[in-house]
Amino acid sequence: MADSDGEYHADDGSDDEFGNHQVTSSSRHETRSRNRPDKSKKPNRKGVKAAWEDIQRSWDTVIEDADGTIAGIIEGRAEAEKRARLLKDTTPLQRGIIRHLVLVLDMSFAMLEKDMLPSRYELAMAYASQFVREYFEQNPISQLAVIGMRDGVAIRISDMSGNPTDHIEKLQGWVKQDPQGNPSLQNALEMCRGALFHTPSHGTREVVIVYGALMSSDPGDIHETITSLINDRIRVSIVGLAAQVAICEELCSKTNGGDKSGYNIALHEDHFKELLLAVTTPPVTRTQEQSNASLLMMGFPSRTLASGDSIHYCACHNRPSREGYDCTRCGSRVCRLPTECPGCGLTLILSTHLARSYHHLFPLRNWVEVSWAKAKQSKACYSCLTPFPDAPDSNKNKDKAKDKGKDKEGKESTGKEKSTVSTLRSSVKGLSESSRYACEVCGNHFCIDCDLFAHEVLHNCPGCQSDTRGRQPQQQNGNGEANGEANGNGAMEIDS
């Protein structure tokens, strides 16, 4: 069947190659003109910008201060990043403070990519060590195990235990080994299920996977493994380093009761660290069995020292040691806490471990921003005594208003030149324009560093914990009450 538009041949072709089929230049132009769309039929795009026409460059937003430096804008952005980490939901919820978690690391060929410097594998191993430290700092009476995926199988890096030193030492042994092979989600999940299904019902069963590949080499049907995880009440969360994978989203959704928030993709290095460390917060209790109150037997041993020159062996590692902790039930000596007694299986912890796990149930409320109108109440941080910036004087503002319109060269001012830092503070949510943050209970003002330290490390307000109930009120907060006298007794309120 002949072509209605005729044949088109390249200009560089020879006569012998094409034979008698020669097309003149006019016919070529006619053919192209017939195929060319009519510009009059294009939709009206007046006022509509293309994606490449509206580019937002980071260096365009950097504005110099009055003194010609950018120190103010840098400090403002750093404070905005700190404040963004604190604006979390502080609603008290029932959480499982005794956790049993398995960390699964992808060690396949996909982790050799260098889109995250120095490479995905090196960054994941470094963040895994930080995750172990932070996990036991926030959950001192919990258990952890580490598993790797490489060569299509699952590798047990460290067994389930409550000693962070053991996990970090085992991870350091794998840092210098190059990743290779394909990952296998099914093999890793089956190994996780074998390590978690026998754990006691009063604790949570969780799996966290750092996944960098876009495929999985599974020996069987992974949907059967997902069904087994649901029956064993095991929750799965995934931090992806590449694009989204459908099976990962289905896995997280089905094992978390339809909640898809357990599957996240890291955009850059800092986001990867943020997503991984967010898992250190205990999950909310959902099932009715875990909501019922139950008693758990624990031992609180005291530290003992061997008398004279004698040396004892710890029952947990079979190593000689002069100091340790004796089990309150069977008398076996262990060298570190928290742990389970090797002789009788009793959970051995210190009272401080239990207290540190308690703050997840009643988190410290977010502190509120202080406006310039209330900033005159404080000149320095209540906790660290760092001086605050002085509040603007209203009389000076009136004098400046009289001289408005003239700069050094005598030109009229437009009034649009505002402070760079104040402009940034007003545009960022939760950032105080006066660099002050107040506790709603005691009314004291704190700096951003103390705000970060109190919410992420102390989990208590220094102003509420200081005993000021017997002192005379010196400062008034926004509600007309003295500092330390809020709510009648100065104690911190607990949301009911």
Foldseek 3Di string as FASTA:
>chain_A
DDDPLHDDDDPPDDCVVVPPDDDDPVSVVVSVVVVDDDPVPDDDCPPPDDPVVDDDDPVVLQDAFPVRHRVLVVVLVVLLVLLVVQPDDQDFFDFFLAAEEEEEEEQAPLQQDPPAPPTNLLLVLVLVLVLLVLLCLLRVNYWYFYWYFAQQAIHGQGAIWRDSVSNNVSSVVCNPPHRHHFGAPQRNLVVLCVRPLPDDPLYAAEYEYEEEDQDHDYPDDVVVSLVVLQVSLYAYAYEYADDDHPVNQVSRCSSVVRDSVRYYYQPYSVSSSVNSNVPSQTDGDDDPVNVDDDDAFAFEWDKDFAPDPDWDAAPPPRDTDGIFTAGPPPGGTHRDDQTAHPPPRHGYHHPVSVVSNCCSSFFADQWAADALVQVVLDQAFPPPRHGWDDRDDPVVVVVCVVVAQQDPVGGTDPPPDDGSSLVSQVVRPRRHSRQWTARPAQQGTHGSVVSSCCRSPVSDDPQLPDQCQPPDFDTAHPVRDGGLCGPHHSHDDTDD
